[in-house]
Amino acid sequence: MSDVAILDSQHEGSSLAETTNGDNSIPRGEEERIITAVAEHMAAIMRELNLDLEDPNFAETPERVAKMYLEMFHGLREGVEPKITTFPNDEDYHHMVIEKEIPFYSMCAHHFVPFYGHAHIAYIPESTIVGLSKLPRILEFYAKRPQLQERLTEQVAEFLWSKLKPQGVMVVIEARHLCVEMRGVKKPGALTTTSALRGCFADRMVREEFLALLSRKAAW
């Protein structure tokens, strides 16, 4: 790997950690209109690039691109914030829960090309635990929109911090950005690492336990 950038944050009130769609939501029931409009714009871009829209390979490309964007940006749709299933912490479990190597794909907000990688999510419960399948769903919700890796990391951490009210949360994301690999500096294999933490993960010993567990390889 060529370049590694590490960004940490403990800002519990960060503006990057929005948990709503704000004013950028895609209204429900508008999908067909949006597909038609985006396809028209895509066709105009292709014409500006002097591409032959009569070429069979390009004939349906504008519509395909429009449908792809609607799929890839489904995190912007109204009312799609994941419903997390929580359970009372009846076992009084107050140690670390980690889900590692969660794959994701997102789209760079600066250049509209993909970035992709893995997230590692940990929390230490207080009175509530969450169904493990919900951690990838939360990541997916925030990844499926034009995004910054730094903001994505913060949003996942803030969602869990505000919904579960745990003792602490830490999120680490490692990703490759095609805007770095395909254009500009053109550094294939460059890896960007970001982290966000809340609560007891501000303690160095707690963070070190998390990072040590990340480095362990599975036995299977």
Protein backbone atom coordinates (compact mmCIF):
# COMPACT_ATOMS: atom_id res chain seq x y z
CA MET A 1 0.00 0.00 0.00
CA SER A 2 1.39 3.37 -1.02
CA ASP A 3 -0.22 5.99 1.19
CA VAL A 4 -1.95 5.73 4.54
CA ALA A 5 -3.84 8.62 6.12
CA ILE A 6 -5.25 8.21 9.63
CA LEU A 7 -7.91 10.57 10.96
CA ASP A 8 -9.30 10.36 14.50
CA SER A 9 -12.28 12.14 16.04
CA GLN A 10 -13.90 12.35 19.47
CA HIS A 11 -16.28 15.20 18.65
CA GLU A 12 -19.61 14.00 19.98
CA GLY A 13 -21.47 17.00 18.55
CA SER A 14 -19.72 16.99 15.18
CA SER A 15 -21.69 18.36 12.23
CA LEU A 16 -20.31 15.43 10.24
CA ALA A 17 -22.33 13.03 12.36
CA GLU A 18 -25.79 13.74 11.00
CA THR A 19 -28.22 10.88 11.45
CA THR A 20 -30.96 12.23 9.22
CA ASN A 21 -31.22 12.74 5.49
CA GLY A 22 -31.80 16.47 5.91
CA ASP A 23 -33.03 18.33 2.85
CA ASN A 24 -31.25 16.01 0.41
CA SER A 25 -33.72 13.13 0.57
CA ILE A 26 -35.10 11.54 -2.57
CA PRO A 27 -38.90 11.72 -2.17
CA ARG A 28 -40.69 8.39 -2.34
CA GLY A 29 -42.69 7.88 -5.53
CA GLU A 30 -40.35 10.12 -7.55
CA GLU A 31 -38.12 7.32 -8.84
CA GLU A 32 -39.37 7.24 -12.44
CA ARG A 33 -39.19 11.00 -12.82
CA ILE A 34 -35.65 11.04 -11.41
CA ILE A 35 -34.52 8.21 -13.70
CA THR A 36 -35.86 10.07 -16.75
CA ALA A 37 -34.25 13.37 -15.73
CA VAL A 38 -30.85 11.85 -14.87
CA ALA A 39 -30.85 9.83 -18.11
CA GLU A 40 -31.43 13.02 -20.11
CA HIS A 41 -28.52 14.74 -18.39
CA MET A 42 -26.30 11.70 -18.89
CA ALA A 43 -27.12 11.63 -22.59
CA ALA A 44 -26.18 15.33 -22.81
CA ILE A 45 -22.82 14.61 -21.17
CA MET A 46 -22.16 11.80 -23.62
CA ARG A 47 -22.96 14.07 -26.55
CA GLU A 48 -20.55 16.69 -25.20
CA LEU A 49 -17.90 13.96 -25.17
CA ASN A 50 -18.68 13.34 -28.86
CA LEU A 51 -19.93 9.81 -28.20
CA ASP A 52 -22.23 8.23 -30.74
CA LEU A 53 -25.50 7.53 -28.95
CA GLU A 54 -26.54 5.39 -31.92
CA ASP A 55 -23.79 2.92 -31.07
CA PRO A 56 -25.57 -0.21 -29.75
CA ASN A 57 -23.24 -0.23 -26.74
CA PHE A 58 -24.40 3.26 -25.75
CA ALA A 59 -28.05 2.95 -26.74
CA GLU A 60 -29.40 2.40 -23.20
CA THR A 61 -26.42 3.68 -21.24
CA PRO A 62 -28.10 6.89 -19.98
CA GLU A 63 -31.00 4.92 -18.47
CA ARG A 64 -28.64 2.32 -17.01
CA VAL A 65 -26.54 5.02 -15.37
CA ALA A 66 -29.65 6.72 -13.97
CA LYS A 67 -30.93 3.46 -12.47
CA MET A 68 -27.47 2.70 -11.09
CA TYR A 69 -27.32 6.07 -9.32
CA LEU A 70 -30.75 5.54 -7.80
CA GLU A 71 -29.62 2.16 -6.51
CA MET A 72 -26.22 3.35 -5.27
CA PHE A 73 -27.71 6.39 -3.55
CA HIS A 74 -30.65 4.64 -1.90
CA GLY A 75 -29.42 5.96 1.46
CA LEU A 76 -30.87 9.32 0.38
CA ARG A 77 -34.42 8.01 0.07
CA GLU A 78 -36.96 9.26 2.55
CA GLY A 79 -37.72 6.98 5.44
CA VAL A 80 -35.00 4.40 4.80
CA GLU A 81 -33.01 4.98 7.99
CA PRO A 82 -32.40 1.46 9.33
CA LYS A 83 -34.67 0.24 12.08
CA ILE A 84 -32.32 -1.33 14.58
CA THR A 85 -33.39 -4.26 16.70
CA THR A 86 -32.23 -3.82 20.28
CA PHE A 87 -32.47 -6.14 23.26
CA PRO A 88 -32.13 -5.58 27.00
CA ASN A 89 -28.69 -6.45 28.26
CA ASP A 90 -30.04 -9.12 30.60
CA GLU A 91 -26.69 -10.93 30.77
CA ASP A 92 -25.10 -7.73 32.09
CA TYR A 93 -22.44 -7.97 29.39
CA HIS A 94 -20.13 -4.97 29.61
CA HIS A 95 -17.22 -6.00 27.43
CA MET A 96 -16.38 -5.24 23.85
CA VAL A 97 -18.58 -6.35 20.93
CA ILE A 98 -16.73 -6.15 17.60
CA GLU A 99 -17.83 -6.83 14.04
CA LYS A 100 -14.80 -6.82 11.75
CA GLU A 101 -14.17 -6.72 8.03
CA ILE A 102 -17.63 -5.45 7.02
CA PRO A 103 -17.36 -4.72 3.28
CA PHE A 104 -18.89 -1.58 1.80
CA TYR A 105 -19.01 0.45 -1.40
CA SER A 106 -19.64 4.16 -1.60
CA MET A 107 -19.25 7.08 -3.99
CA CYS A 108 -16.81 9.94 -3.52
CA ALA A 109 -18.70 13.22 -3.14
CA HIS A 110 -15.87 15.14 -4.80
CA HIS A 111 -15.53 13.18 -8.05
CA PHE A 112 -18.47 10.74 -8.13
CA VAL A 113 -16.20 7.71 -8.49
CA PRO A 114 -16.27 4.75 -6.08
CA PHE A 115 -14.38 4.19 -2.89
CA TYR A 116 -14.63 0.86 -1.16
CA GLY A 117 -13.18 -1.18 1.67
CA HIS A 118 -13.99 -2.58 5.09
CA ALA A 119 -15.32 -1.20 8.35
CA HIS A 120 -14.62 -2.44 11.86
CA ILE A 121 -17.29 -1.50 14.40
CA ALA A 122 -17.06 -1.95 18.17
CA TYR A 123 -19.18 -0.92 21.12
CA ILE A 124 -19.34 -1.67 24.83
CA PRO A 125 -22.97 -2.08 25.94
CA GLU A 126 -24.64 -0.39 28.84
CA SER A 127 -28.30 -1.44 29.24
CA THR A 128 -28.97 -2.35 25.59
CA ILE A 129 -27.39 -4.55 22.91
CA VAL A 130 -28.09 -4.51 19.18
CA GLY A 131 -28.72 -7.33 16.71
CA LEU A 132 -25.42 -7.99 14.93
CA SER A 133 -26.97 -7.87 11.47
CA LYS A 134 -27.86 -4.23 12.09
CA LEU A 135 -24.26 -3.04 12.17
CA PRO A 136 -23.73 -3.73 8.43
CA ARG A 137 -27.15 -2.18 7.73
CA ILE A 138 -26.16 1.04 9.47
CA LEU A 139 -22.91 1.17 7.50
CA GLU A 140 -24.78 0.48 4.25
CA PHE A 141 -27.32 3.22 4.93
CA TYR A 142 -24.68 5.91 5.26
CA ALA A 143 -22.44 4.52 2.52
CA LYS A 144 -25.19 4.61 -0.12
CA ARG A 145 -24.96 8.32 -0.95
CA PRO A 146 -22.29 10.72 -2.23
CA GLN A 147 -19.95 10.51 0.70
CA LEU A 148 -16.68 11.39 2.39
CA GLN A 149 -14.90 8.62 4.26
CA GLU A 150 -14.39 10.90 7.25
CA ARG A 151 -18.10 11.73 7.40
CA LEU A 152 -19.13 8.11 6.90
CA THR A 153 -16.99 7.05 9.86
CA GLU A 154 -18.49 9.75 12.08
CA GLN A 155 -22.07 9.02 11.04
CA VAL A 156 -21.87 5.32 11.89
CA ALA A 157 -20.29 6.08 15.27
CA GLU A 158 -22.82 8.79 16.11
CA PHE A 159 -25.79 6.62 15.10
CA LEU A 160 -24.75 3.86 17.52
CA TRP A 161 -23.81 6.34 20.25
CA SER A 162 -27.16 8.11 20.11
CA LYS A 163 -29.40 5.06 19.61
CA LEU A 164 -27.78 2.54 21.99
CA LYS A 165 -26.37 4.92 24.59
CA PRO A 166 -23.51 2.47 25.22
CA GLN A 167 -20.41 2.96 27.35
CA GLY A 168 -18.46 3.59 24.18
CA VAL A 169 -18.28 3.20 20.41
CA MET A 170 -15.37 3.01 17.99
CA VAL A 171 -15.45 2.74 14.20
CA VAL A 172 -12.44 2.22 11.93
CA ILE A 173 -12.81 2.31 8.16
CA GLU A 174 -10.12 1.31 5.65
CA ALA A 175 -10.81 2.15 2.03
CA ARG A 176 -9.34 2.54 -1.44
CA HIS A 177 -10.43 5.58 -3.43
CA LEU A 178 -10.54 5.45 -7.21
CA CYS A 179 -10.23 9.24 -7.32
CA VAL A 180 -6.72 8.67 -5.91
CA GLU A 181 -5.93 5.58 -7.98
CA MET A 182 -7.35 6.50 -11.42
CA ARG A 183 -6.80 10.26 -11.60
CA GLY A 184 -4.71 13.01 -10.07
CA VAL A 185 -1.75 11.48 -8.23
CA LYS A 186 -2.63 7.99 -9.61
CA LYS A 187 -1.44 5.90 -6.68
CA PRO A 188 -2.87 2.38 -7.03
CA GLY A 189 -3.24 0.56 -3.73
CA ALA A 190 -3.22 3.67 -1.54
CA LEU A 191 -5.22 2.96 1.61
CA THR A 192 -7.01 5.57 3.70
CA THR A 193 -7.85 4.76 7.32
CA THR A 194 -10.28 6.82 9.38
CA SER A 195 -11.54 6.36 12.92
CA ALA A 196 -14.20 7.83 15.16
CA LEU A 197 -14.68 7.14 18.84
CA ARG A 198 -17.07 7.95 21.63
CA GLY A 199 -17.24 7.42 25.37
CA CYS A 200 -14.86 4.98 27.04
CA PHE A 201 -12.88 4.45 23.83
CA ALA A 202 -11.20 7.76 24.64
CA ASP A 203 -9.26 5.68 27.18
CA ARG A 204 -6.00 4.49 25.64
CA MET A 205 -6.20 0.99 27.15
CA VAL A 206 -9.69 0.43 25.73
CA ARG A 207 -8.56 1.58 22.27
CA GLU A 208 -5.52 -0.66 22.43
CA GLU A 209 -7.68 -3.68 23.26
CA PHE A 210 -9.85 -2.92 20.22
CA LEU A 211 -6.85 -2.51 17.91
CA ALA A 212 -5.25 -5.70 19.26
CA LEU A 213 -8.44 -7.66 18.57
CA LEU A 214 -8.54 -6.22 15.03
CA SER A 215 -5.09 -7.59 14.33
CA ARG A 216 -6.00 -11.15 15.35
CA LYS A 217 -6.59 -13.52 12.45
CA ALA A 218 -9.56 -15.88 12.43
CA ALA A 219 -8.72 -19.55 12.99
CA TRP A 220 -10.92 -20.76 10.11
